[in-house]
C-alpha atoms as a PDB file:
ATOM      1  CA  UNK A   1     -15.797 -11.965  -2.023  1.00  0.00           C
ATOM      2  CA  UNK A   2     -18.513  -9.914  -3.641  1.00  0.00           C
ATOM      3  CA  UNK A   3     -18.560  -9.186  -7.340  1.00  0.00           C
ATOM      4  CA  UNK A   4     -18.607  -5.330  -7.921  1.00  0.00           C
ATOM      5  CA  UNK A   5     -19.333  -5.479 -11.775  1.00  0.00           C
ATOM      6  CA  UNK A   6     -20.732  -7.981 -14.289  1.00  0.00           C
ATOM      7  CA  UNK A   7     -20.097  -7.875 -18.029  1.00  0.00           C
ATOM      8  CA  UNK A   8     -18.261  -9.771 -20.789  1.00  0.00           C
ATOM      9  CA  UNK A   9     -14.838  -9.788 -22.323  1.00  0.00           C
ATOM     10  CA  UNK A  10     -15.100  -9.572 -26.226  1.00  0.00           C
ATOM     11  CA  UNK A  11     -12.452 -10.185 -28.865  1.00  0.00           C
ATOM     12  CA  UNK A  12     -13.604 -10.940 -32.269  1.00  0.00           C
ATOM     13  CA  UNK A  13     -16.631 -13.094 -32.191  1.00  0.00           C
ATOM     14  CA  UNK A  14     -15.709 -14.500 -28.867  1.00  0.00           C
ATOM     15  CA  UNK A  15     -17.797 -13.316 -25.838  1.00  0.00           C
ATOM     16  CA  UNK A  16     -16.766 -14.369 -22.312  1.00  0.00           C
ATOM     17  CA  UNK A  17     -19.217 -13.415 -19.650  1.00  0.00           C
ATOM     18  CA  UNK A  18     -17.398 -12.522 -16.295  1.00  0.00           C
ATOM     19  CA  UNK A  19     -17.754 -11.175 -12.928  1.00  0.00           C
ATOM     20  CA  UNK A  20     -15.404  -8.400 -11.542  1.00  0.00           C
ATOM     21  CA  UNK A  21     -13.841  -8.732  -8.094  1.00  0.00           C
ATOM     22  CA  UNK A  22     -11.458  -6.447  -6.294  1.00  0.00           C
ATOM     23  CA  UNK A  23      -8.058  -8.098  -6.241  1.00  0.00           C
ATOM     24  CA  UNK A  24      -6.530  -6.211  -3.214  1.00  0.00           C
ATOM     25  CA  UNK A  25      -7.644  -5.129   0.188  1.00  0.00           C
ATOM     26  CA  UNK A  26      -6.280  -2.658   2.772  1.00  0.00           C
ATOM     27  CA  UNK A  27      -4.603  -4.099   5.743  1.00  0.00           C
ATOM     28  CA  UNK A  28      -4.040  -0.958   7.718  1.00  0.00           C
ATOM     29  CA  UNK A  29      -5.463  -0.394  11.290  1.00  0.00           C
ATOM     30  CA  UNK A  30      -8.636   1.744  11.188  1.00  0.00           C
ATOM     31  CA  UNK A  31      -8.255   4.823  12.948  1.00  0.00           C
ATOM     32  CA  UNK A  32     -10.633   7.836  13.264  1.00  0.00           C
ATOM     33  CA  UNK A  33     -10.135  11.484  14.650  1.00  0.00           C
ATOM     34  CA  UNK A  34     -11.209  12.358  18.258  1.00  0.00           C
ATOM     35  CA  UNK A  35     -11.021  15.446  20.346  1.00  0.00           C
ATOM     36  CA  UNK A  36      -7.859  15.533  22.282  1.00  0.00           C
ATOM     37  CA  UNK A  37      -9.442  16.874  25.314  1.00  0.00           C
ATOM     38  CA  UNK A  38     -12.202  14.401  25.958  1.00  0.00           C
ATOM     39  CA  UNK A  39     -11.779  11.785  23.250  1.00  0.00           C
ATOM     40  CA  UNK A  40     -15.177  12.609  21.625  1.00  0.00           C
ATOM     41  CA  UNK A  41     -15.447  11.428  18.031  1.00  0.00           C
ATOM     42  CA  UNK A  42     -14.986  13.976  15.370  1.00  0.00           C
ATOM     43  CA  UNK A  43     -17.365  13.621  12.374  1.00  0.00           C
ATOM     44  CA  UNK A  44     -17.698  15.252   9.105  1.00  0.00           C
ATOM     45  CA  UNK A  45     -21.300  16.335   8.026  1.00  0.00           C
ATOM     46  CA  UNK A  46     -22.566  17.141   4.453  1.00  0.00           C
ATOM     47  CA  UNK A  47     -24.194  20.650   4.793  1.00  0.00           C
ATOM     48  CA  UNK A  48     -25.793  22.567   2.036  1.00  0.00           C
ATOM     49  CA  UNK A  49     -24.459  26.108   1.938  1.00  0.00           C
ATOM     50  CA  UNK A  50     -27.952  27.567   0.998  1.00  0.00           C
ATOM     51  CA  UNK A  51     -30.270  26.304   3.723  1.00  0.00           C
ATOM     52  CA  UNK A  52     -27.630  25.047   6.243  1.00  0.00           C
ATOM     53  CA  UNK A  53     -29.274  21.500   6.459  1.00  0.00           C
ATOM     54  CA  UNK A  54     -27.411  18.374   6.542  1.00  0.00           C
ATOM     55  CA  UNK A  55     -27.912  16.345   3.467  1.00  0.00           C
ATOM     56  CA  UNK A  56     -28.046  12.579   3.094  1.00  0.00           C
ATOM     57  CA  UNK A  57     -25.764  10.743   0.559  1.00  0.00           C
ATOM     58  CA  UNK A  58     -28.825   9.692  -1.384  1.00  0.00           C
ATOM     59  CA  UNK A  59     -29.802  13.285  -1.892  1.00  0.00           C
ATOM     60  CA  UNK A  60     -26.319  14.453  -3.326  1.00  0.00           C
ATOM     61  CA  UNK A  61     -25.818  14.823  -7.174  1.00  0.00           C
ATOM     62  CA  UNK A  62     -22.617  15.911  -9.116  1.00  0.00           C
ATOM     63  CA  UNK A  63     -22.113  19.267 -10.720  1.00  0.00           C
ATOM     64  CA  UNK A  64     -19.693  21.193 -12.996  1.00  0.00           C
ATOM     65  CA  UNK A  65     -18.713  24.840 -12.158  1.00  0.00           C
ATOM     66  CA  UNK A  66     -16.937  26.889 -14.818  1.00  0.00           C
ATOM     67  CA  UNK A  67     -16.788  29.945 -12.462  1.00  0.00           C
ATOM     68  CA  UNK A  68     -19.957  31.606 -13.780  1.00  0.00           C
ATOM     69  CA  UNK A  69     -22.612  28.809 -14.140  1.00  0.00           C
ATOM     70  CA  UNK A  70     -23.251  25.532 -12.411  1.00  0.00           C
ATOM     71  CA  UNK A  71     -24.430  22.542 -14.412  1.00  0.00           C
ATOM     72  CA  UNK A  72     -25.926  19.814 -12.118  1.00  0.00           C
ATOM     73  CA  UNK A  73     -25.677  16.242 -13.089  1.00  0.00           C
ATOM     74  CA  UNK A  74     -28.175  13.744 -11.689  1.00  0.00           C
ATOM     75  CA  UNK A  75     -27.458  10.128 -11.139  1.00  0.00           C
ATOM     76  CA  UNK A  76     -29.764   9.438 -14.098  1.00  0.00           C
ATOM     77  CA  UNK A  77     -27.733  11.859 -16.294  1.00  0.00           C
ATOM     78  CA  UNK A  78     -24.577  10.086 -15.696  1.00  0.00           C
ATOM     79  CA  UNK A  79     -26.171   6.568 -15.971  1.00  0.00           C
ATOM     80  CA  UNK A  80     -27.354   7.530 -19.470  1.00  0.00           C
ATOM     81  CA  UNK A  81     -23.822   8.145 -20.975  1.00  0.00           C
ATOM     82  CA  UNK A  82     -23.323   5.263 -23.506  1.00  0.00           C
ATOM     83  CA  UNK A  83     -19.746   4.464 -22.062  1.00  0.00           C
ATOM     84  CA  UNK A  84     -21.291   3.911 -18.548  1.00  0.00           C
ATOM     85  CA  UNK A  85     -24.068   1.731 -19.932  1.00  0.00           C
ATOM     86  CA  UNK A  86     -21.743  -0.468 -21.918  1.00  0.00           C
ATOM     87  CA  UNK A  87     -21.069  -3.850 -20.165  1.00  0.00           C
ATOM     88  CA  UNK A  88     -18.275  -5.111 -22.392  1.00  0.00           C
ATOM     89  CA  UNK A  89     -14.512  -5.303 -21.640  1.00  0.00           C
ATOM     90  CA  UNK A  90     -13.400  -4.875 -25.210  1.00  0.00           C
ATOM     91  CA  UNK A  91     -10.001  -6.325 -26.316  1.00  0.00           C
ATOM     92  CA  UNK A  92      -8.200  -3.713 -28.322  1.00  0.00           C
ATOM     93  CA  UNK A  93      -5.064  -5.556 -29.045  1.00  0.00           C
ATOM     94  CA  UNK A  94      -2.545  -8.243 -27.791  1.00  0.00           C
ATOM     95  CA  UNK A  95       0.810  -6.864 -27.002  1.00  0.00           C
ATOM     96  CA  UNK A  96       3.981  -8.299 -25.668  1.00  0.00           C
ATOM     97  CA  UNK A  97       3.782  -8.334 -21.978  1.00  0.00           C
ATOM     98  CA  UNK A  98       7.125  -6.502 -21.367  1.00  0.00           C
ATOM     99  CA  UNK A  99       5.920  -3.521 -23.489  1.00  0.00           C
ATOM    100  CA  UNK A 100       3.674  -2.426 -20.669  1.00  0.00           C
ATOM    101  CA  UNK A 101       5.680  -0.088 -18.144  1.00  0.00           C
ATOM    102  CA  UNK A 102       4.680  -1.249 -14.501  1.00  0.00           C
ATOM    103  CA  UNK A 103       4.446   2.553 -13.762  1.00  0.00           C
ATOM    104  CA  UNK A 104       1.189   2.611 -15.581  1.00  0.00           C
ATOM    105  CA  UNK A 105      -0.325  -0.149 -13.472  1.00  0.00           C
ATOM    106  CA  UNK A 106      -3.144   1.151 -11.104  1.00  0.00           C
ATOM    107  CA  UNK A 107      -5.851  -1.150  -9.534  1.00  0.00           C
ATOM    108  CA  UNK A 108      -6.026  -4.948  -9.775  1.00  0.00           C
ATOM    109  CA  UNK A 109      -9.204  -7.003 -10.299  1.00  0.00           C
ATOM    110  CA  UNK A 110      -9.981 -10.720 -10.602  1.00  0.00           C
ATOM    111  CA  UNK A 111     -12.318 -12.066 -13.377  1.00  0.00           C
ATOM    112  CA  UNK A 112     -14.534 -15.050 -12.623  1.00  0.00           C
ATOM    113  CA  UNK A 113     -16.424 -16.921 -15.518  1.00  0.00           C
ATOM    114  CA  UNK A 114     -20.204 -16.070 -15.315  1.00  0.00           C
ATOM    115  CA  UNK A 115     -21.727 -18.688 -17.329  1.00  0.00           C
ATOM    116  CA  UNK A 116     -22.752 -22.387 -16.913  1.00  0.00           C
ATOM    117  CA  UNK A 117     -19.739 -23.342 -19.067  1.00  0.00           C
ATOM    118  CA  UNK A 118     -16.321 -21.873 -18.593  1.00  0.00           C
ATOM    119  CA  UNK A 119     -14.921 -22.851 -21.976  1.00  0.00           C
ATOM    120  CA  UNK A 120     -14.716 -19.471 -23.401  1.00  0.00           C
ATOM    121  CA  UNK A 121     -12.952 -18.299 -20.330  1.00  0.00           C
ATOM    122  CA  UNK A 122     -10.547 -21.135 -20.468  1.00  0.00           C
ATOM    123  CA  UNK A 123      -9.970 -20.589 -24.118  1.00  0.00           C
ATOM    124  CA  UNK A 124      -8.884 -16.970 -23.578  1.00  0.00           C
ATOM    125  CA  UNK A 125      -6.700 -17.935 -20.602  1.00  0.00           C
ATOM    126  CA  UNK A 126      -4.871 -20.578 -22.619  1.00  0.00           C
ATOM    127  CA  UNK A 127      -4.562 -18.159 -25.543  1.00  0.00           C
ATOM    128  CA  UNK A 128      -2.886 -15.521 -23.298  1.00  0.00           C
ATOM    129  CA  UNK A 129      -0.545 -18.067 -21.837  1.00  0.00           C
ATOM    130  CA  UNK A 130       0.546 -19.903 -25.075  1.00  0.00           C
ATOM    131  CA  UNK A 131       1.210 -16.661 -27.045  1.00  0.00           C
ATOM    132  CA  UNK A 132       2.958 -14.878 -24.050  1.00  0.00           C
ATOM    133  CA  UNK A 133       0.788 -11.841 -24.709  1.00  0.00           C
ATOM    134  CA  UNK A 134      -1.271  -9.292 -22.584  1.00  0.00           C
ATOM    135  CA  UNK A 135      -4.640  -8.210 -23.831  1.00  0.00           C
ATOM    136  CA  UNK A 136      -4.999  -4.232 -23.895  1.00  0.00           C
ATOM    137  CA  UNK A 137      -8.714  -3.682 -23.036  1.00  0.00           C
ATOM    138  CA  UNK A 138     -11.267  -0.747 -22.702  1.00  0.00           C
ATOM    139  CA  UNK A 139     -14.239  -0.738 -20.347  1.00  0.00           C
ATOM    140  CA  UNK A 140     -16.375   1.487 -18.269  1.00  0.00           C
ATOM    141  CA  UNK A 141     -16.394   1.372 -14.452  1.00  0.00           C
ATOM    142  CA  UNK A 142     -17.746   3.836 -11.912  1.00  0.00           C
ATOM    143  CA  UNK A 143     -18.381   6.686 -14.391  1.00  0.00           C
ATOM    144  CA  UNK A 144     -14.871   6.487 -16.047  1.00  0.00           C
ATOM    145  CA  UNK A 145     -13.621   4.730 -19.138  1.00  0.00           C
ATOM    146  CA  UNK A 146     -10.745   2.618 -18.099  1.00  0.00           C
ATOM    147  CA  UNK A 147      -7.705   1.255 -20.040  1.00  0.00           C
ATOM    148  CA  UNK A 148      -6.450  -2.001 -18.720  1.00  0.00           C
ATOM    149  CA  UNK A 149      -4.220  -4.972 -19.086  1.00  0.00           C
ATOM    150  CA  UNK A 150      -5.846  -8.457 -19.105  1.00  0.00           C
ATOM    151  CA  UNK A 151      -3.401 -11.288 -18.194  1.00  0.00           C
ATOM    152  CA  UNK A 152      -3.113 -14.541 -16.476  1.00  0.00           C
ATOM    153  CA  UNK A 153      -2.278 -15.245 -12.776  1.00  0.00           C
ATOM    154  CA  UNK A 154      -2.559 -18.668 -10.984  1.00  0.00           C
ATOM    155  CA  UNK A 155      -5.047 -19.933 -13.689  1.00  0.00           C
ATOM    156  CA  UNK A 156      -7.217 -16.846 -13.144  1.00  0.00           C
ATOM    157  CA  UNK A 157      -7.753 -14.005 -15.614  1.00  0.00           C
ATOM    158  CA  UNK A 158      -6.557 -10.675 -13.905  1.00  0.00           C
ATOM    159  CA  UNK A 159      -7.575  -7.096 -14.961  1.00  0.00           C
ATOM    160  CA  UNK A 160      -5.258  -4.450 -14.077  1.00  0.00           C
ATOM    161  CA  UNK A 161      -6.277  -0.866 -14.806  1.00  0.00           C
ATOM    162  CA  UNK A 162      -3.644   1.292 -16.392  1.00  0.00           C
ATOM    163  CA  UNK A 163      -3.129   5.052 -16.240  1.00  0.00           C
ATOM    164  CA  UNK A 164      -3.759   7.032 -19.248  1.00  0.00           C
ATOM    165  CA  UNK A 165      -0.412   8.395 -21.024  1.00  0.00           C
ATOM    166  CA  UNK A 166      -1.270  11.764 -19.919  1.00  0.00           C
ATOM    167  CA  UNK A 167      -1.488  10.848 -16.265  1.00  0.00           C
ATOM    168  CA  UNK A 168       2.183   9.648 -16.008  1.00  0.00           C
ATOM    169  CA  UNK A 169       4.389  12.528 -15.322  1.00  0.00           C
ATOM    170  CA  UNK A 170       7.763  12.968 -17.078  1.00  0.00           C
ATOM    171  CA  UNK A 171      10.908  12.554 -14.981  1.00  0.00           C
ATOM    172  CA  UNK A 172      12.928  15.662 -15.848  1.00  0.00           C
ATOM    173  CA  UNK A 173      15.777  16.158 -13.279  1.00  0.00           C
ATOM    174  CA  UNK A 174      18.482  18.675 -14.250  1.00  0.00           C
ATOM    175  CA  UNK A 175      20.817  16.941 -11.808  1.00  0.00           C
ATOM    176  CA  UNK A 176      20.846  13.978 -14.082  1.00  0.00           C
ATOM    177  CA  UNK A 177      21.896  16.024 -17.170  1.00  0.00           C
ATOM    178  CA  UNK A 178      25.654  16.044 -16.541  1.00  0.00           C
ATOM    179  CA  UNK A 179      27.776  13.134 -17.389  1.00  0.00           C
ATOM    180  CA  UNK A 180      29.017  10.838 -14.522  1.00  0.00           C
ATOM    181  CA  UNK A 181      31.929   8.365 -14.735  1.00  0.00           C
ATOM    182  CA  UNK A 182      31.661   5.082 -13.058  1.00  0.00           C
ATOM    183  CA  UNK A 183      34.708   2.925 -13.184  1.00  0.00           C
ATOM    184  CA  UNK A 184      34.823  -0.669 -13.876  1.00  0.00           C
ATOM    185  CA  UNK A 185      35.834  -1.566 -10.435  1.00  0.00           C
ATOM    186  CA  UNK A 186      32.971   0.203  -9.037  1.00  0.00           C
ATOM    187  CA  UNK A 187      30.510  -1.662 -11.330  1.00  0.00           C
ATOM    188  CA  UNK A 188      32.380  -5.020 -10.458  1.00  0.00           C
ATOM    189  CA  UNK A 189      32.059  -4.459  -6.646  1.00  0.00           C
ATOM    190  CA  UNK A 190      28.375  -3.167  -6.992  1.00  0.00           C
ATOM    191  CA  UNK A 191      27.676  -6.337  -9.125  1.00  0.00           C
ATOM    192  CA  UNK A 192      29.262  -8.317  -6.272  1.00  0.00           C
ATOM    193  CA  UNK A 193      27.067  -6.678  -3.674  1.00  0.00           C
ATOM    194  CA  UNK A 194      23.972  -7.408  -5.742  1.00  0.00           C
ATOM    195  CA  UNK A 195      24.921 -10.962  -6.019  1.00  0.00           C
ATOM    196  CA  UNK A 196      25.342 -11.375  -2.254  1.00  0.00           C
ATOM    197  CA  UNK A 197      21.593 -10.214  -1.921  1.00  0.00           C
ATOM    198  CA  UNK A 198      20.211 -12.587  -4.677  1.00  0.00           C
ATOM    199  CA  UNK A 199      17.119 -14.546  -3.744  1.00  0.00           C
ATOM    200  CA  UNK A 200      13.862 -15.532  -5.042  1.00  0.00           C
ATOM    201  CA  UNK A 201      10.896 -13.023  -4.269  1.00  0.00           C
ATOM    202  CA  UNK A 202       8.763 -14.460  -1.479  1.00  0.00           C
ATOM    203  CA  UNK A 203       6.153 -11.882  -0.485  1.00  0.00           C
ATOM    204  CA  UNK A 204       5.065 -13.703   2.503  1.00  0.00           C
ATOM    205  CA  UNK A 205       8.469 -13.026   4.016  1.00  0.00           C
ATOM    206  CA  UNK A 206       7.703  -9.369   4.342  1.00  0.00           C
ATOM    207  CA  UNK A 207       5.541  -7.526   6.723  1.00  0.00           C
ATOM    208  CA  UNK A 208       4.317  -3.969   7.275  1.00  0.00           C
ATOM    209  CA  UNK A 209       6.428  -3.229  10.363  1.00  0.00           C
ATOM    210  CA  UNK A 210       4.612   0.182  11.016  1.00  0.00           C
ATOM    211  CA  UNK A 211       1.116  -1.558  11.117  1.00  0.00           C
ATOM    212  CA  UNK A 212       2.600  -4.335  13.333  1.00  0.00           C
ATOM    213  CA  UNK A 213       4.097  -1.816  15.878  1.00  0.00           C
ATOM    214  CA  UNK A 214       0.736   0.289  15.826  1.00  0.00           C
ATOM    215  CA  UNK A 215      -1.241  -2.859  16.861  1.00  0.00           C
ATOM    216  CA  UNK A 216       1.293  -3.568  19.734  1.00  0.00           C
ATOM    217  CA  UNK A 217       0.803  -0.032  20.924  1.00  0.00           C
ATOM    218  CA  UNK A 218      -2.821  -0.242  20.831  1.00  0.00           C
ATOM    219  CA  UNK A 219      -2.783  -3.630  22.667  1.00  0.00           C
ATOM    220  CA  UNK A 220      -0.369  -2.076  25.240  1.00  0.00           C
ATOM    221  CA  UNK A 221      -2.524   0.717  25.977  1.00  0.00           C
ATOM    222  CA  UNK A 222      -5.788  -1.448  26.341  1.00  0.00           C
ATOM    223  CA  UNK A 223      -3.907  -3.586  28.798  1.00  0.00           C
ATOM    224  CA  UNK A 224      -2.236  -0.783  30.896  1.00  0.00           C
ATOM    225  CA  UNK A 225      -4.579   2.033  30.497  1.00  0.00           C
ATOM    226  CA  UNK A 226      -3.986   5.496  29.030  1.00  0.00           C
ATOM    227  CA  UNK A 227      -0.805   6.065  30.803  1.00  0.00           C
ATOM    228  CA  UNK A 228       1.549   5.033  28.084  1.00  0.00           C
ATOM    229  CA  UNK A 229       3.207   6.913  25.149  1.00  0.00           C
ATOM    230  CA  UNK A 230       5.144   5.692  22.099  1.00  0.00           C
ATOM    231  CA  UNK A 231       8.660   6.013  23.865  1.00  0.00           C
ATOM    232  CA  UNK A 232       7.337   3.884  26.889  1.00  0.00           C
ATOM    233  CA  UNK A 233       5.917   1.187  24.471  1.00  0.00           C
ATOM    234  CA  UNK A 234       8.894   0.802  22.256  1.00  0.00           C
ATOM    235  CA  UNK A 235      11.717   2.268  24.261  1.00  0.00           C
ATOM    236  CA  UNK A 236      13.917   5.276  23.532  1.00  0.00           C
ATOM    237  CA  UNK A 237      14.818   5.658  19.739  1.00  0.00           C
ATOM    238  CA  UNK A 238      18.002   7.219  18.847  1.00  0.00           C
ATOM    239  CA  UNK A 239      18.012  10.455  17.174  1.00  0.00           C
ATOM    240  CA  UNK A 240      18.846  10.607  13.379  1.00  0.00           C
ATOM    241  CA  UNK A 241      21.584  12.831  12.628  1.00  0.00           C
ATOM    242  CA  UNK A 242      22.839  13.967   9.237  1.00  0.00           C
ATOM    243  CA  UNK A 243      23.671  11.301   6.840  1.00  0.00           C
ATOM    244  CA  UNK A 244      27.397  10.389   6.730  1.00  0.00           C
ATOM    245  CA  UNK A 245      28.964  10.907   3.334  1.00  0.00           C
ATOM    246  CA  UNK A 246      30.986   7.950   2.358  1.00  0.00           C
ATOM    247  CA  UNK A 247      33.211   7.234  -0.617  1.00  0.00           C
ATOM    248  CA  UNK A 248      31.093   5.187  -3.057  1.00  0.00           C
ATOM    249  CA  UNK A 249      33.898   2.460  -3.486  1.00  0.00           C
ATOM    250  CA  UNK A 250      34.577   2.209   0.178  1.00  0.00           C
ATOM    251  CA  UNK A 251      30.834   1.908   0.796  1.00  0.00           C
ATOM    252  CA  UNK A 252      30.512  -0.994  -1.661  1.00  0.00           C
ATOM    253  CA  UNK A 253      33.493  -2.716  -0.308  1.00  0.00           C
ATOM    254  CA  UNK A 254      32.338  -2.474   3.283  1.00  0.00           C
ATOM    255  CA  UNK A 255      28.797  -3.832   2.248  1.00  0.00           C
ATOM    256  CA  UNK A 256      30.386  -6.843   0.339  1.00  0.00           C
ATOM    257  CA  UNK A 257      32.595  -7.587   3.308  1.00  0.00           C
ATOM    258  CA  UNK A 258      29.680  -7.443   5.717  1.00  0.00           C
ATOM    259  CA  UNK A 259      27.417  -9.677   3.559  1.00  0.00           C
ATOM    260  CA  UNK A 260      30.320 -12.216   3.235  1.00  0.00           C
ATOM    261  CA  UNK A 261      30.823 -12.272   6.916  1.00  0.00           C
ATOM    262  CA  UNK A 262      27.460 -12.841   7.974  1.00  0.00           C
ATOM    263  CA  UNK A 263      26.240 -14.963   5.151  1.00  0.00           C
ATOM    264  CA  UNK A 264      24.056 -14.267   2.085  1.00  0.00           C
ATOM    265  CA  UNK A 265      20.798 -14.814   4.188  1.00  0.00           C
ATOM    266  CA  UNK A 266      21.746 -12.611   7.153  1.00  0.00           C
ATOM    267  CA  UNK A 267      21.503  -8.892   7.204  1.00  0.00           C
ATOM    268  CA  UNK A 268      24.478  -6.751   6.600  1.00  0.00           C
ATOM    269  CA  UNK A 269      26.173  -4.619   9.190  1.00  0.00           C
ATOM    270  CA  UNK A 270      25.221  -0.998   9.843  1.00  0.00           C
ATOM    271  CA  UNK A 271      27.998   0.473   8.005  1.00  0.00           C
ATOM    272  CA  UNK A 272      27.357  -1.444   4.826  1.00  0.00           C
ATOM    273  CA  UNK A 273      23.551  -0.669   5.048  1.00  0.00           C
ATOM    274  CA  UNK A 274      24.206   3.055   5.586  1.00  0.00           C
ATOM    275  CA  UNK A 275      26.964   3.480   3.050  1.00  0.00           C
ATOM    276  CA  UNK A 276      24.920   2.061   0.009  1.00  0.00           C
ATOM    277  CA  UNK A 277      21.288   3.044   0.923  1.00  0.00           C
ATOM    278  CA  UNK A 278      20.489  -0.621   0.734  1.00  0.00           C
ATOM    279  CA  UNK A 279      18.118  -2.099   3.276  1.00  0.00           C
ATOM    280  CA  UNK A 280      18.253  -5.579   4.622  1.00  0.00           C
ATOM    281  CA  UNK A 281      15.457  -7.833   3.871  1.00  0.00           C
ATOM    282  CA  UNK A 282      12.407  -7.156   6.159  1.00  0.00           C
ATOM    283  CA  UNK A 283      12.006  -9.996   8.501  1.00  0.00           C
ATOM    284  CA  UNK A 284       8.605 -11.676   8.978  1.00  0.00           C
ATOM    285  CA  UNK A 285       5.999 -10.047  11.143  1.00  0.00           C
ATOM    286  CA  UNK A 286       7.302 -10.159  14.771  1.00  0.00           C
ATOM    287  CA  UNK A 287       5.350 -11.725  17.638  1.00  0.00           C
ATOM    288  CA  UNK A 288       2.951  -9.320  19.255  1.00  0.00           C
ATOM    289  CA  UNK A 289       5.197  -8.772  22.212  1.00  0.00           C
ATOM    290  CA  UNK A 290       6.476  -5.698  23.516  1.00  0.00           C
ATOM    291  CA  UNK A 291       8.927  -4.764  26.439  1.00  0.00           C
ATOM    292  CA  UNK A 292       6.816  -1.933  27.358  1.00  0.00           C
ATOM    293  CA  UNK A 293       4.219  -4.412  28.828  1.00  0.00           C
ATOM    294  CA  UNK A 294       6.573  -4.847  31.802  1.00  0.00           C
ATOM    295  CA  UNK A 295       6.170  -1.125  32.650  1.00  0.00           C
ATOM    296  CA  UNK A 296       3.994  -0.395  35.702  1.00  0.00           C
ATOM    297  CA  UNK A 297       0.260  -0.742  34.840  1.00  0.00           C
ATOM    298  CA  UNK A 298      -0.596   2.716  36.112  1.00  0.00           C
ATOM    299  CA  UNK A 299      -4.020   3.928  34.744  1.00  0.00           C
ATOM    300  CA  UNK A 300      -4.714   7.576  34.234  1.00  0.00           C
ATOM    301  CA  UNK A 301      -7.812   9.592  33.361  1.00  0.00           C
ATOM    302  CA  UNK A 302      -8.138  11.080  29.908  1.00  0.00           C
ATOM    303  CA  UNK A 303      -7.396  14.656  31.321  1.00  0.00           C
ATOM    304  CA  UNK A 304      -4.404  13.701  33.549  1.00  0.00           C
ATOM    305  CA  UNK A 305      -1.180  15.570  32.565  1.00  0.00           C
ATOM    306  CA  UNK A 306       1.451  13.472  30.921  1.00  0.00           C
ATOM    307  CA  UNK A 307       3.788  14.285  33.752  1.00  0.00           C
ATOM    308  CA  UNK A 308       1.728  11.890  35.973  1.00  0.00           C
ATOM    309  CA  UNK A 309       2.722   8.973  33.775  1.00  0.00           C
ATOM    310  CA  UNK A 310       4.534   5.953  35.203  1.00  0.00           C
ATOM    311  CA  UNK A 311       8.291   6.016  34.506  1.00  0.00           C
ATOM    312  CA  UNK A 312       9.158   3.485  31.969  1.00  0.00           C
ATOM    313  CA  UNK A 313      12.195   2.130  33.939  1.00  0.00           C
ATOM    314  CA  UNK A 314      10.395   1.578  37.257  1.00  0.00           C
ATOM    315  CA  UNK A 315      11.254  -1.755  38.749  1.00  0.00           C
ATOM    316  CA  UNK A 316       8.874  -4.531  38.060  1.00  0.00           C
ATOM    317  CA  UNK A 317       8.807  -5.415  41.731  1.00  0.00           C
ATOM    318  CA  UNK A 318       6.637  -2.375  42.505  1.00  0.00           C
ATOM    319  CA  UNK A 319       4.087  -3.273  39.954  1.00  0.00           C
ATOM    320  CA  UNK A 320       1.359  -4.348  42.426  1.00  0.00           C
ATOM    321  CA  UNK A 321       1.876  -1.047  44.435  1.00  0.00           C
ATOM    322  CA  UNK A 322       1.231   0.846  41.138  1.00  0.00           C
ATOM    323  CA  UNK A 323      -1.993  -0.962  40.406  1.00  0.00           C
ATOM    324  CA  UNK A 324      -3.188  -0.235  43.879  1.00  0.00           C
ATOM    325  CA  UNK A 325      -2.416   3.494  43.619  1.00  0.00           C
ATOM    326  CA  UNK A 326      -4.231   3.526  40.191  1.00  0.00           C
ATOM    327  CA  UNK A 327      -7.321   2.026  41.931  1.00  0.00           C
END
């Protein structure tokens, strides 16, 4: 990992030099835009509206426009602001961890000690652990003053930036204003359903199914040419109709019954999942194997109509002939 910021955590007279690293990364398959007719890459250019010239990123400044006047702010102007020049992560207060609403969490960063002796770093870490507190801090990063929570994760100090109070919207829904009566039986049945799903959270057991399937689609297209579409790769998907309205008590009863019959670790039946809106636990990432690869490997030119694609259910025995025809 590469450090993106250097500074020091300060509280009282204690100064802890640290390096800041991004704690998360994007796992999405990188895609870009192309022209549907010929596959040509679509690119965006920064063009000046006055002279029509393309402008490099290094020659671009920021500006504020109030409708009548434009104030240009150069990189030097922004760097001269006191908050931007400050390299301190200032501890404002230590608060009980449960007082910070998770809705306020934004980005996560790791802090590494940036000194010959990590004693001050370990002191701060041990203090947070033994007092069961989270440090609320303020610092400047990328031309913004940030509010953040400083806590411990796996023996490492973690900095999680927080949204400002005015950035969190208030949830005001008129549909929840009326009184709703929930019976004791419904609560008991719902609690029983929750109990049947109880488990310890293991993040590694879950996978981004869309990204897995997207990679499978790309691999299938590379192997078999551009004669495949999503339906041929993954098979026909049933159309989704209107959601069936089921009595809440009946839905809970069927969900509990389904979870008992299949065991606490197995997924519920379709009726139970549909009735309650609960989703079975996502399984681990499937092997990158798709039935669509058994389809005839018929290659097609980029401009060839979709009607010329090979049928998805064509017998595998005629596969060699399809290759010969494509060649």
